[in-house]
Amino acid sequence: MKEIQFSIEIYASNEKVWRTLWEDTTFRDWANIIDEGTYMKGVMKEGREIQFISSVNGYGVTSLIEKLISNEFVFFRHSADTKESGQQERKKEWTGGSESYSLTEKNGVTTLIVKTDVPQELEETFTIRLPRALERIKTLAEKM
């Protein structure tokens, strides 16, 4: 796996950006850019597992929320690759990787930094799609 990182400045409070990231409707909107039909299953709480699943193909990943500071930071450790809407494990592509979202607000502008480990064969795809998703997060958060 390879770690990639992107950042964007958003003219909105870190609370608005956080809500845009993790509320169901807005999450589905921006995550759809990365993997069509993606939704979250579970509760965003430190120490709990959450699943990110594609409603299109049923594939996803189960992740442990290792660290969560509301409106500031979340760190996921991918614990299992799944299929059949998260019901069964599949070949380990993402397992062991991590993903984090860091928000820092200054003078009404929030800097969002996303770091994620991606399988080598998906690096090019994520290098294109993740910045597009960040632009969508910016648009949604600035409208709130």
Protein backbone atom coordinates (compact mmCIF):
# COMPACT_ATOMS: atom_id res chain seq x y z
CA MET A 1 0.00 0.00 0.00
CA LYS A 2 0.97 3.58 -0.53
CA GLU A 3 -0.07 6.58 1.54
CA ILE A 4 -1.49 9.50 -0.40
CA GLN A 5 -2.47 12.87 1.05
CA PHE A 6 -4.59 15.75 -0.18
CA SER A 7 -5.80 18.96 1.41
CA ILE A 8 -8.29 21.70 0.65
CA GLU A 9 -9.29 25.02 2.19
CA ILE A 10 -13.00 25.38 2.82
CA TYR A 11 -14.75 28.65 3.67
CA ALA A 12 -16.86 27.15 6.44
CA SER A 13 -16.49 26.28 10.11
CA ASN A 14 -14.92 22.97 11.07
CA GLU A 15 -18.35 21.95 12.47
CA LYS A 16 -19.96 22.42 9.04
CA VAL A 17 -17.15 20.54 7.31
CA TRP A 18 -17.42 17.70 9.87
CA ARG A 19 -21.18 17.43 9.30
CA THR A 20 -20.60 17.41 5.55
CA LEU A 21 -18.10 14.59 5.94
CA TRP A 22 -20.16 12.31 8.17
CA GLU A 23 -23.91 13.04 7.90
CA ASP A 24 -25.53 10.33 5.78
CA THR A 25 -26.86 12.42 2.88
CA THR A 26 -23.74 14.51 2.33
CA PHE A 27 -21.41 11.53 2.94
CA ARG A 28 -23.17 9.55 0.21
CA ASP A 29 -22.90 12.56 -2.11
CA TRP A 30 -19.13 13.06 -1.90
CA ALA A 31 -18.17 9.41 -1.33
CA ASN A 32 -20.04 8.47 -4.53
CA ILE A 33 -17.25 10.23 -6.44
CA ILE A 34 -14.69 7.82 -4.99
CA ASP A 35 -16.75 4.62 -5.21
CA GLU A 36 -20.25 4.65 -6.66
CA GLY A 37 -23.04 4.05 -4.16
CA THR A 38 -20.86 4.20 -1.04
CA TYR A 39 -22.61 4.52 2.31
CA MET A 40 -21.62 4.12 5.97
CA LYS A 41 -23.04 1.50 8.30
CA GLY A 42 -22.42 1.96 12.03
CA VAL A 43 -21.91 4.69 14.58
CA MET A 44 -19.05 7.19 14.48
CA LYS A 45 -17.63 6.55 17.95
CA GLU A 46 -14.05 5.92 19.03
CA GLY A 47 -13.37 2.25 19.61
CA ARG A 48 -16.27 1.10 17.42
CA GLU A 49 -16.22 -0.49 13.99
CA ILE A 50 -17.88 1.13 11.02
CA GLN A 51 -18.35 -0.16 7.48
CA PHE A 52 -18.00 1.68 4.20
CA ILE A 53 -19.95 -0.28 1.57
CA SER A 54 -20.86 0.21 -2.08
CA SER A 55 -24.57 -0.34 -2.69
CA VAL A 56 -23.68 -0.98 -6.34
CA ASN A 57 -21.38 -4.00 -5.93
CA GLY A 58 -21.72 -4.84 -2.20
CA TYR A 59 -17.97 -4.58 -1.64
CA GLY A 60 -16.56 -2.54 1.19
CA VAL A 61 -14.28 -2.31 4.16
CA THR A 62 -14.79 -2.64 7.91
CA SER A 63 -12.77 -0.10 9.86
CA LEU A 64 -11.97 0.46 13.52
CA ILE A 65 -12.29 4.06 14.66
CA GLU A 66 -9.01 4.26 16.58
CA LYS A 67 -9.15 7.99 17.36
CA LEU A 68 -12.01 10.48 17.10
CA ILE A 69 -12.12 14.11 18.19
CA SER A 70 -15.40 15.57 16.92
CA ASN A 71 -15.01 18.42 14.44
CA GLU A 72 -11.21 17.94 14.38
CA PHE A 73 -9.89 14.47 13.64
CA VAL A 74 -10.76 10.85 12.92
CA PHE A 75 -8.42 7.93 12.29
CA PHE A 76 -9.68 4.67 10.79
CA ARG A 77 -7.74 1.38 10.70
CA HIS A 78 -9.15 -0.93 8.02
CA SER A 79 -9.64 -4.28 9.74
CA ALA A 80 -11.36 -6.34 7.00
CA ASP A 81 -12.27 -6.21 3.33
CA THR A 82 -15.89 -7.25 2.86
CA LYS A 83 -18.42 -8.30 0.23
CA GLU A 84 -22.15 -9.01 0.19
CA SER A 85 -22.92 -5.64 1.81
CA GLY A 86 -20.35 -6.19 4.55
CA GLN A 87 -21.55 -9.65 5.55
CA GLN A 88 -18.54 -11.69 4.39
CA GLU A 89 -14.81 -11.14 4.23
CA ARG A 90 -13.06 -11.09 0.88
CA LYS A 91 -9.51 -10.97 -0.47
CA LYS A 92 -7.47 -8.54 1.63
CA GLU A 93 -6.90 -5.46 -0.46
CA TRP A 94 -7.43 -2.68 2.12
CA THR A 95 -6.98 -4.66 5.36
CA GLY A 96 -4.33 -3.11 7.61
CA GLY A 97 -4.41 0.23 5.84
CA SER A 98 -5.46 3.47 7.49
CA GLU A 99 -7.33 6.63 6.65
CA SER A 100 -7.52 9.94 8.52
CA TYR A 101 -9.38 13.23 8.25
CA SER A 102 -7.93 16.27 9.99
CA LEU A 103 -9.73 19.63 10.24
CA THR A 104 -8.10 22.88 11.38
CA GLU A 105 -10.08 26.12 11.40
CA LYS A 106 -8.56 29.59 11.32
CA ASN A 107 -10.52 32.82 10.72
CA GLY A 108 -13.55 30.95 9.32
CA VAL A 109 -11.50 28.84 6.91
CA THR A 110 -11.13 25.12 7.57
CA THR A 111 -8.22 23.19 6.16
CA LEU A 112 -9.19 19.57 5.56
CA ILE A 113 -6.33 17.08 5.20
CA VAL A 114 -7.09 13.53 4.11
CA LYS A 115 -4.43 10.81 4.34
CA THR A 116 -5.19 7.32 3.12
CA ASP A 117 -3.37 4.14 2.32
CA VAL A 118 -4.34 2.77 -1.08
CA PRO A 119 -3.45 -0.48 -2.81
CA GLN A 120 -0.78 0.14 -5.46
CA GLU A 121 -3.13 -0.81 -8.31
CA LEU A 122 -5.68 1.83 -7.21
CA GLU A 123 -3.25 4.70 -6.62
CA GLU A 124 -3.95 6.39 -9.97
CA THR A 125 -7.72 6.13 -9.51
CA PHE A 126 -7.62 7.63 -6.03
CA THR A 127 -5.20 10.36 -7.10
CA ILE A 128 -7.90 11.50 -9.54
CA ARG A 129 -11.06 10.83 -7.53
CA LEU A 130 -10.07 11.98 -4.04
CA PRO A 131 -9.35 15.60 -5.05
CA ARG A 132 -12.72 15.66 -6.87
CA ALA A 133 -14.40 14.39 -3.70
CA LEU A 134 -12.68 17.13 -1.67
CA GLU A 135 -14.00 19.74 -4.11
CA ARG A 136 -17.49 18.32 -3.60
CA ILE A 137 -17.08 18.46 0.20
CA LYS A 138 -16.03 22.11 -0.17
CA THR A 139 -19.09 22.92 -2.27
CA LEU A 140 -21.48 21.17 0.12
CA ALA A 141 -19.97 22.64 3.30
CA GLU A 142 -19.88 26.19 1.92
CA LYS A 143 -23.62 25.93 1.07
CA MET A 144 -24.63 24.85 4.60
